[in-house]
Amino acid sequence: APLFEKASGHTLRFNFGGSGTLARQIKEGAPA
Protein backbone atom coordinates (compact mmCIF):
# COMPACT_ATOMS: atom_id res chain seq x y z
CA ALA A 1 0.00 0.00 0.00
CA PRO A 2 2.65 2.64 0.85
CA LEU A 3 4.30 2.07 -2.53
CA PHE A 4 1.08 2.85 -4.41
CA GLU A 5 0.22 5.75 -2.13
CA LYS A 6 3.63 7.34 -2.67
CA ALA A 7 3.44 6.92 -6.45
CA SER A 8 -0.14 8.10 -6.90
CA GLY A 9 -0.92 10.48 -4.04
CA HIS A 10 -4.02 8.43 -3.22
CA THR A 11 -4.61 6.50 -0.02
CA LEU A 12 -5.92 2.97 0.39
CA ARG A 13 -8.45 1.68 2.88
CA PHE A 14 -8.86 -2.10 3.17
CA ASN A 15 -11.57 -4.47 4.31
CA PHE A 16 -10.44 -8.11 4.28
CA GLY A 17 -12.59 -11.21 4.62
CA GLY A 18 -13.95 -14.28 2.90
CA SER A 19 -14.66 -13.48 -0.74
CA GLY A 20 -18.24 -14.70 -0.46
CA THR A 21 -18.88 -12.54 2.59
CA LEU A 22 -17.43 -9.48 0.87
CA ALA A 23 -19.46 -10.11 -2.29
CA ARG A 24 -22.60 -10.27 -0.17
CA GLN A 25 -21.68 -6.99 1.50
CA ILE A 26 -21.31 -5.37 -1.92
CA LYS A 27 -24.73 -6.68 -2.97
CA GLU A 28 -26.15 -5.18 0.21
CA GLY A 29 -24.72 -1.77 -0.65
CA ALA A 30 -21.43 -1.63 1.25
CA PRO A 31 -19.45 1.38 -0.05
CA ALA A 32 -16.30 0.33 -1.92
PDB file of all heavy atoms in Angstrom:
ATOM      1  N   ALA A   1       0.803  -1.225   0.000  1.00  0.00           N
ATOM      2  CA  ALA A   1       0.000   0.000   0.000  1.00  0.00           C
ATOM      3  C   ALA A   1       0.838   1.279   0.000  1.00  0.00           C
ATOM      4  O   ALA A   1       0.560   2.197  -0.783  1.00  0.00           O
ATOM      5  CB  ALA A   1      -0.963  -0.003   1.187  1.00  0.00           C
ATOM      6  N   PRO A   2       1.868   1.392   0.857  1.00  0.00           N
ATOM      7  CA  PRO A   2       2.653   2.635   0.855  1.00  0.00           C
ATOM      8  C   PRO A   2       3.324   2.924  -0.482  1.00  0.00           C
ATOM      9  O   PRO A   2       3.528   4.089  -0.838  1.00  0.00           O
ATOM     10  CB  PRO A   2       3.690   2.397   1.954  1.00  0.00           C
ATOM     11  CG  PRO A   2       3.073   1.382   2.848  1.00  0.00           C
ATOM     12  CD  PRO A   2       2.312   0.479   1.933  1.00  0.00           C
ATOM     13  N   LEU A   3       3.653   1.880  -1.235  1.00  0.00           N
ATOM     14  CA  LEU A   3       4.295   2.073  -2.532  1.00  0.00           C
ATOM     15  C   LEU A   3       3.316   2.738  -3.508  1.00  0.00           C
ATOM     16  O   LEU A   3       3.676   3.673  -4.226  1.00  0.00           O
ATOM     17  CB  LEU A   3       4.773   0.727  -3.092  1.00  0.00           C
ATOM     18  CG  LEU A   3       5.764  -0.052  -2.231  1.00  0.00           C
ATOM     19  CD1 LEU A   3       6.082  -1.404  -2.880  1.00  0.00           C
ATOM     20  CD2 LEU A   3       7.040   0.754  -2.026  1.00  0.00           C
ATOM     21  N   PHE A   4       2.089   2.238  -3.532  1.00  0.00           N
ATOM     22  CA  PHE A   4       1.077   2.851  -4.408  1.00  0.00           C
ATOM     23  C   PHE A   4       0.750   4.260  -3.948  1.00  0.00           C
ATOM     24  O   PHE A   4       0.614   5.181  -4.765  1.00  0.00           O
ATOM     25  CB  PHE A   4      -0.181   1.992  -4.425  1.00  0.00           C
ATOM     26  CG  PHE A   4      -1.336   2.654  -5.141  1.00  0.00           C
ATOM     27  CD1 PHE A   4      -1.364   2.708  -6.528  1.00  0.00           C
ATOM     28  CD2 PHE A   4      -2.378   3.224  -4.430  1.00  0.00           C
ATOM     29  CE1 PHE A   4      -2.420   3.328  -7.195  1.00  0.00           C
ATOM     30  CE2 PHE A   4      -3.432   3.850  -5.082  1.00  0.00           C
ATOM     31  CZ  PHE A   4      -3.457   3.895  -6.460  1.00  0.00           C
ATOM     32  N   GLU A   5       0.597   4.435  -2.647  1.00  0.00           N
ATOM     33  CA  GLU A   5       0.218   5.747  -2.126  1.00  0.00           C
ATOM     34  C   GLU A   5       1.282   6.791  -2.445  1.00  0.00           C
ATOM     35  O   GLU A   5       0.958   7.934  -2.796  1.00  0.00           O
ATOM     36  CB  GLU A   5      -0.013   5.639  -0.619  1.00  0.00           C
ATOM     37  CG  GLU A   5      -1.249   4.812  -0.279  1.00  0.00           C
ATOM     38  CD  GLU A   5      -1.407   4.555   1.212  1.00  0.00           C
ATOM     39  OE1 GLU A   5      -0.424   4.767   1.955  1.00  0.00           O
ATOM     40  OE2 GLU A   5      -2.498   4.139   1.630  1.00  0.00           O
ATOM     41  N   LYS A   6       2.549   6.400  -2.365  1.00  0.00           N
ATOM     42  CA  LYS A   6       3.630   7.340  -2.671  1.00  0.00           C
ATOM     43  C   LYS A   6       3.639   7.687  -4.150  1.00  0.00           C
ATOM     44  O   LYS A   6       3.858   8.845  -4.534  1.00  0.00           O
ATOM     45  CB  LYS A   6       4.967   6.739  -2.261  1.00  0.00           C
ATOM     46  CG  LYS A   6       6.144   7.667  -2.503  1.00  0.00           C
ATOM     47  CD  LYS A   6       7.446   7.026  -2.024  1.00  0.00           C
ATOM     48  CE  LYS A   6       8.630   7.962  -2.273  1.00  0.00           C
ATOM     49  NZ  LYS A   6       9.906   7.364  -1.796  1.00  0.00           N
ATOM     50  N   ALA A   7       3.396   6.692  -5.006  1.00  0.00           N
ATOM     51  CA  ALA A   7       3.445   6.921  -6.453  1.00  0.00           C
ATOM     52  C   ALA A   7       2.253   7.725  -6.958  1.00  0.00           C
ATOM     53  O   ALA A   7       2.391   8.532  -7.887  1.00  0.00           O
ATOM     54  CB  ALA A   7       3.513   5.582  -7.188  1.00  0.00           C
ATOM     55  N   SER A   8       1.078   7.529  -6.349  1.00  0.00           N
ATOM     56  CA  SER A   8      -0.143   8.104  -6.902  1.00  0.00           C
ATOM     57  C   SER A   8      -0.682   9.312  -6.141  1.00  0.00           C
ATOM     58  O   SER A   8      -1.441  10.105  -6.695  1.00  0.00           O
ATOM     59  CB  SER A   8      -1.240   7.039  -6.940  1.00  0.00           C
ATOM     60  OG  SER A   8      -1.636   6.701  -5.617  1.00  0.00           O
ATOM     61  N   GLY A   9      -0.342   9.426  -4.862  1.00  0.00           N
ATOM     62  CA  GLY A   9      -0.917  10.477  -4.045  1.00  0.00           C
ATOM     63  C   GLY A   9      -2.253  10.093  -3.437  1.00  0.00           C
ATOM     64  O   GLY A   9      -2.819  10.837  -2.637  1.00  0.00           O
ATOM     65  N   HIS A  10      -2.775   8.928  -3.787  1.00  0.00           N
ATOM     66  CA  HIS A  10      -4.020   8.433  -3.216  1.00  0.00           C
ATOM     67  C   HIS A  10      -3.723   7.608  -1.971  1.00  0.00           C
ATOM     68  O   HIS A  10      -2.595   7.181  -1.742  1.00  0.00           O
ATOM     69  CB  HIS A  10      -4.773   7.571  -4.233  1.00  0.00           C
ATOM     70  CG  HIS A  10      -5.078   8.280  -5.505  1.00  0.00           C
ATOM     71  ND1 HIS A  10      -5.781   9.453  -5.545  1.00  0.00           N
ATOM     72  CD2 HIS A  10      -4.749   7.980  -6.794  1.00  0.00           C
ATOM     73  CE1 HIS A  10      -5.902   9.849  -6.814  1.00  0.00           C
ATOM     74  NE2 HIS A  10      -5.269   8.973  -7.577  1.00  0.00           N
ATOM     75  N   THR A  11      -4.748   7.369  -1.175  1.00  0.00           N
ATOM     76  CA  THR A  11      -4.609   6.495  -0.023  1.00  0.00           C
ATOM     77  C   THR A  11      -5.517   5.280  -0.206  1.00  0.00           C
ATOM     78  O   THR A  11      -6.492   5.325  -0.958  1.00  0.00           O
ATOM     79  CB  THR A  11      -4.983   7.219   1.287  1.00  0.00           C
ATOM     80  OG1 THR A  11      -6.331   7.702   1.186  1.00  0.00           O
ATOM     81  CG2 THR A  11      -4.045   8.380   1.552  1.00  0.00           C
ATOM     82  N   LEU A  12      -5.168   4.204   0.492  1.00  0.00           N
ATOM     83  CA  LEU A  12      -5.918   2.966   0.389  1.00  0.00           C
ATOM     84  C   LEU A  12      -6.540   2.607   1.731  1.00  0.00           C
ATOM     85  O   LEU A  12      -5.906   2.751   2.777  1.00  0.00           O
ATOM     86  CB  LEU A  12      -4.999   1.825  -0.065  1.00  0.00           C
ATOM     87  CG  LEU A  12      -4.392   1.960  -1.459  1.00  0.00           C
ATOM     88  CD1 LEU A  12      -3.319   0.891  -1.676  1.00  0.00           C
ATOM     89  CD2 LEU A  12      -5.464   1.858  -2.535  1.00  0.00           C
ATOM     90  N   ARG A  13      -7.749   2.144   1.685  1.00  0.00           N
ATOM     91  CA  ARG A  13      -8.452   1.677   2.879  1.00  0.00           C
ATOM     92  C   ARG A  13      -8.944   0.269   2.588  1.00  0.00           C
ATOM     93  O   ARG A  13      -9.649   0.043   1.605  1.00  0.00           O
ATOM     94  CB  ARG A  13      -9.626   2.596   3.203  1.00  0.00           C
ATOM     95  CG  ARG A  13     -10.450   2.174   4.409  1.00  0.00           C
ATOM     96  CD  ARG A  13     -11.493   3.239   4.721  1.00  0.00           C
ATOM     97  NE  ARG A  13     -12.371   2.848   5.808  1.00  0.00           N
ATOM     98  CZ  ARG A  13     -13.518   2.198   5.647  1.00  0.00           C
ATOM     99  NH1 ARG A  13     -13.924   1.881   4.418  1.00  0.00           N
ATOM    100  NH2 ARG A  13     -14.267   1.870   6.684  1.00  0.00           N
ATOM    101  N   PHE A  14      -8.569  -0.701   3.442  1.00  0.00           N
ATOM    102  CA  PHE A  14      -8.864  -2.103   3.168  1.00  0.00           C
ATOM    103  C   PHE A  14      -9.928  -2.671   4.090  1.00  0.00           C
ATOM    104  O   PHE A  14     -10.048  -2.286   5.258  1.00  0.00           O
ATOM    105  CB  PHE A  14      -7.596  -2.952   3.316  1.00  0.00           C
ATOM    106  CG  PHE A  14      -6.516  -2.638   2.324  1.00  0.00           C
ATOM    107  CD1 PHE A  14      -5.352  -2.003   2.725  1.00  0.00           C
ATOM    108  CD2 PHE A  14      -6.663  -2.984   0.993  1.00  0.00           C
ATOM    109  CE1 PHE A  14      -4.353  -1.716   1.817  1.00  0.00           C
ATOM    110  CE2 PHE A  14      -5.673  -2.704   0.069  1.00  0.00           C
ATOM    111  CZ  PHE A  14      -4.510  -2.069   0.480  1.00  0.00           C
ATOM    112  N   ASN A  15     -10.660  -3.625   3.540  1.00  0.00           N
ATOM    113  CA  ASN A  15     -11.566  -4.468   4.312  1.00  0.00           C
ATOM    114  C   ASN A  15     -11.333  -5.887   3.816  1.00  0.00           C
ATOM    115  O   ASN A  15     -11.622  -6.201   2.657  1.00  0.00           O
ATOM    116  CB  ASN A  15     -13.024  -4.051   4.103  1.00  0.00           C
ATOM    117  CG  ASN A  15     -13.997  -4.905   4.898  1.00  0.00           C
ATOM    118  OD1 ASN A  15     -13.602  -5.692   5.761  1.00  0.00           O
ATOM    119  ND2 ASN A  15     -15.278  -4.773   4.597  1.00  0.00           N
ATOM    120  N   PHE A  16     -10.782  -6.751   4.676  1.00  0.00           N
ATOM    121  CA  PHE A  16     -10.441  -8.112   4.281  1.00  0.00           C
ATOM    122  C   PHE A  16     -11.448  -9.099   4.862  1.00  0.00           C
ATOM    123  O   PHE A  16     -11.974  -8.905   5.966  1.00  0.00           O
ATOM    124  CB  PHE A  16      -9.038  -8.480   4.774  1.00  0.00           C
ATOM    125  CG  PHE A  16      -7.949  -7.631   4.194  1.00  0.00           C
ATOM    126  CD1 PHE A  16      -7.337  -6.649   4.964  1.00  0.00           C
ATOM    127  CD2 PHE A  16      -7.533  -7.801   2.891  1.00  0.00           C
ATOM    128  CE1 PHE A  16      -6.322  -5.858   4.445  1.00  0.00           C
ATOM    129  CE2 PHE A  16      -6.528  -7.008   2.351  1.00  0.00           C
ATOM    130  CZ  PHE A  16      -5.920  -6.039   3.129  1.00  0.00           C
ATOM    131  N   GLY A  17     -11.676 -10.179   4.135  1.00  0.00           N
ATOM    132  CA  GLY A  17     -12.591 -11.206   4.623  1.00  0.00           C
ATOM    133  C   GLY A  17     -12.741 -12.304   3.595  1.00  0.00           C
ATOM    134  O   GLY A  17     -12.067 -12.325   2.559  1.00  0.00           O
ATOM    135  N   GLY A  18     -13.634 -13.249   3.884  1.00  0.00           N
ATOM    136  CA  GLY A  18     -13.946 -14.275   2.900  1.00  0.00           C
ATOM    137  C   GLY A  18     -14.567 -13.642   1.673  1.00  0.00           C
ATOM    138  O   GLY A  18     -15.389 -12.725   1.777  1.00  0.00           O
ATOM    139  N   SER A  19     -14.189 -14.104   0.493  1.00  0.00           N
ATOM    140  CA  SER A  19     -14.665 -13.478  -0.742  1.00  0.00           C
ATOM    141  C   SER A  19     -16.184 -13.505  -0.856  1.00  0.00           C
ATOM    142  O   SER A  19     -16.808 -12.553  -1.324  1.00  0.00           O
ATOM    143  CB  SER A  19     -14.034 -14.163  -1.959  1.00  0.00           C
ATOM    144  OG  SER A  19     -12.634 -13.981  -1.955  1.00  0.00           O
ATOM    145  N   GLY A  20     -16.794 -14.612  -0.416  1.00  0.00           N
ATOM    146  CA  GLY A  20     -18.244 -14.698  -0.463  1.00  0.00           C
ATOM    147  C   GLY A  20     -18.909 -13.691   0.453  1.00  0.00           C
ATOM    148  O   GLY A  20     -19.924 -13.082   0.102  1.00  0.00           O
ATOM    149  N   THR A  21     -18.334 -13.513   1.635  1.00  0.00           N
ATOM    150  CA  THR A  21     -18.876 -12.544   2.586  1.00  0.00           C
ATOM    151  C   THR A  21     -18.766 -11.128   2.028  1.00  0.00           C
ATOM    152  O   THR A  21     -19.705 -10.334   2.118  1.00  0.00           O
ATOM    153  CB  THR A  21     -18.126 -12.639   3.923  1.00  0.00           C
ATOM    154  OG1 THR A  21     -18.302 -13.953   4.465  1.00  0.00           O
ATOM    155  CG2 THR A  21     -18.646 -11.608   4.920  1.00  0.00           C
ATOM    156  N   LEU A  22     -17.629 -10.809   1.432  1.00  0.00           N
ATOM    157  CA  LEU A  22     -17.428  -9.478   0.865  1.00  0.00           C
ATOM    158  C   LEU A  22     -18.375  -9.233  -0.315  1.00  0.00           C
ATOM    159  O   LEU A  22     -18.926  -8.138  -0.457  1.00  0.00           O
ATOM    160  CB  LEU A  22     -15.974  -9.310   0.422  1.00  0.00           C
ATOM    161  CG  LEU A  22     -14.919  -9.370   1.536  1.00  0.00           C
ATOM    162  CD1 LEU A  22     -13.523  -9.282   0.939  1.00  0.00           C
ATOM    163  CD2 LEU A  22     -15.134  -8.254   2.557  1.00  0.00           C
ATOM    164  N   ALA A  23     -18.546 -10.250  -1.151  1.00  0.00           N
ATOM    165  CA  ALA A  23     -19.463 -10.106  -2.289  1.00  0.00           C
ATOM    166  C   ALA A  23     -20.881  -9.842  -1.796  1.00  0.00           C
ATOM    167  O   ALA A  23     -21.612  -9.022  -2.384  1.00  0.00           O
ATOM    168  CB  ALA A  23     -19.421 -11.357  -3.157  1.00  0.00           C
ATOM    169  N   ARG A  24     -21.276 -10.513  -0.719  1.00  0.00           N
ATOM    170  CA  ARG A  24     -22.604 -10.273  -0.167  1.00  0.00           C
ATOM    171  C   ARG A  24     -22.730  -8.844   0.354  1.00  0.00           C
ATOM    172  O   ARG A  24     -23.759  -8.185   0.166  1.00  0.00           O
ATOM    173  CB  ARG A  24     -22.885 -11.266   0.961  1.00  0.00           C
ATOM    174  CG  ARG A  24     -24.317 -11.158   1.511  1.00  0.00           C
ATOM    175  CD  ARG A  24     -24.601 -12.148   2.611  1.00  0.00           C
ATOM    176  NE  ARG A  24     -23.862 -11.834   3.829  1.00  0.00           N
ATOM    177  CZ  ARG A  24     -22.873 -12.564   4.322  1.00  0.00           C
ATOM    178  NH1 ARG A  24     -22.505 -13.664   3.687  1.00  0.00           N
ATOM    179  NH2 ARG A  24     -22.250 -12.208   5.424  1.00  0.00           N
ATOM    180  N   GLN A  25     -21.662  -8.356   0.996  1.00  0.00           N
ATOM    181  CA  GLN A  25     -21.685  -6.987   1.499  1.00  0.00           C
ATOM    182  C   GLN A  25     -21.845  -5.988   0.352  1.00  0.00           C
ATOM    183  O   GLN A  25     -22.569  -4.986   0.486  1.00  0.00           O
ATOM    184  CB  GLN A  25     -20.412  -6.700   2.286  1.00  0.00           C
ATOM    185  CG  GLN A  25     -20.309  -7.464   3.602  1.00  0.00           C
ATOM    186  CD  GLN A  25     -18.973  -7.272   4.292  1.00  0.00           C
ATOM    187  OE1 GLN A  25     -18.092  -6.567   3.791  1.00  0.00           O
ATOM    188  NE2 GLN A  25     -18.802  -7.911   5.439  1.00  0.00           N
ATOM    189  N   ILE A  26     -21.187  -6.257  -0.758  1.00  0.00           N
ATOM    190  CA  ILE A  26     -21.311  -5.372  -1.922  1.00  0.00           C
ATOM    191  C   ILE A  26     -22.742  -5.391  -2.440  1.00  0.00           C
ATOM    192  O   ILE A  26     -23.326  -4.349  -2.761  1.00  0.00           O
ATOM    193  CB  ILE A  26     -20.314  -5.793  -3.021  1.00  0.00           C
ATOM    194  CG1 ILE A  26     -18.878  -5.526  -2.560  1.00  0.00           C
ATOM    195  CG2 ILE A  26     -20.608  -5.057  -4.325  1.00  0.00           C
ATOM    196  CD1 ILE A  26     -17.818  -6.116  -3.467  1.00  0.00           C
ATOM    197  N   LYS A  27     -23.337  -6.572  -2.516  1.00  0.00           N
ATOM    198  CA  LYS A  27     -24.730  -6.681  -2.972  1.00  0.00           C
ATOM    199  C   LYS A  27     -25.672  -5.917  -2.048  1.00  0.00           C
ATOM    200  O   LYS A  27     -26.701  -5.396  -2.489  1.00  0.00           O
ATOM    201  CB  LYS A  27     -25.142  -8.151  -3.037  1.00  0.00           C
ATOM    202  CG  LYS A  27     -24.479  -8.942  -4.147  1.00  0.00           C
ATOM    203  CD  LYS A  27     -24.936 -10.388  -4.111  1.00  0.00           C
ATOM    204  CE  LYS A  27     -24.275 -11.208  -5.201  1.00  0.00           C
ATOM    205  NZ  LYS A  27     -24.701 -12.639  -5.147  1.00  0.00           N
ATOM    206  N   GLU A  28     -25.308  -5.860  -0.765  1.00  0.00           N
ATOM    207  CA  GLU A  28     -26.152  -5.179   0.215  1.00  0.00           C
ATOM    208  C   GLU A  28     -25.884  -3.682   0.288  1.00  0.00           C
ATOM    209  O   GLU A  28     -26.479  -2.975   1.103  1.00  0.00           O
ATOM    210  CB  GLU A  28     -25.953  -5.820   1.583  1.00  0.00           C
ATOM    211  CG  GLU A  28     -26.471  -7.265   1.663  1.00  0.00           C
ATOM    212  CD  GLU A  28     -26.116  -7.956   2.964  1.00  0.00           C
ATOM    213  OE1 GLU A  28     -25.315  -7.370   3.735  1.00  0.00           O
ATOM    214  OE2 GLU A  28     -26.621  -9.072   3.205  1.00  0.00           O
ATOM    215  N   GLY A  29     -24.944  -3.201  -0.565  1.00  0.00           N
ATOM    216  CA  GLY A  29     -24.718  -1.768  -0.649  1.00  0.00           C
ATOM    217  C   GLY A  29     -23.520  -1.233   0.097  1.00  0.00           C
ATOM    218  O   GLY A  29     -23.385  -0.013   0.260  1.00  0.00           O
ATOM    219  N   ALA A  30     -22.621  -2.105   0.554  1.00  0.00           N
ATOM    220  CA  ALA A  30     -21.428  -1.633   1.255  1.00  0.00           C
ATOM    221  C   ALA A  30     -20.620  -0.723   0.332  1.00  0.00           C
ATOM    222  O   ALA A  30     -20.366  -1.069  -0.824  1.00  0.00           O
ATOM    223  CB  ALA A  30     -20.574  -2.816   1.698  1.00  0.00           C
ATOM    224  N   PRO A  31     -20.211   0.457   0.806  1.00  0.00           N
ATOM    225  CA  PRO A  31     -19.454   1.375  -0.048  1.00  0.00           C
ATOM    226  C   PRO A  31     -18.040   0.859  -0.296  1.00  0.00           C
ATOM    227  O   PRO A  31     -17.328   0.485   0.641  1.00  0.00           O
ATOM    228  CB  PRO A  31     -19.428   2.671   0.769  1.00  0.00           C
ATOM    229  CG  PRO A  31     -19.565   2.216   2.196  1.00  0.00           C
ATOM    230  CD  PRO A  31     -20.463   1.008   2.155  1.00  0.00           C
ATOM    231  N   ALA A  32     -17.643   0.794  -1.554  1.00  0.00           N
ATOM    232  CA  ALA A  32     -16.302   0.327  -1.915  1.00  0.00           C
ATOM    233  C   ALA A  32     -16.010   0.752  -3.339  1.00  0.00           C
ATOM    234  O   ALA A  32     -16.918   1.075  -4.118  1.00  0.00           O
ATOM    235  CB  ALA A  32     -16.201  -1.189  -1.778  1.00  0.00           C
TER     236      ALA A  32
END
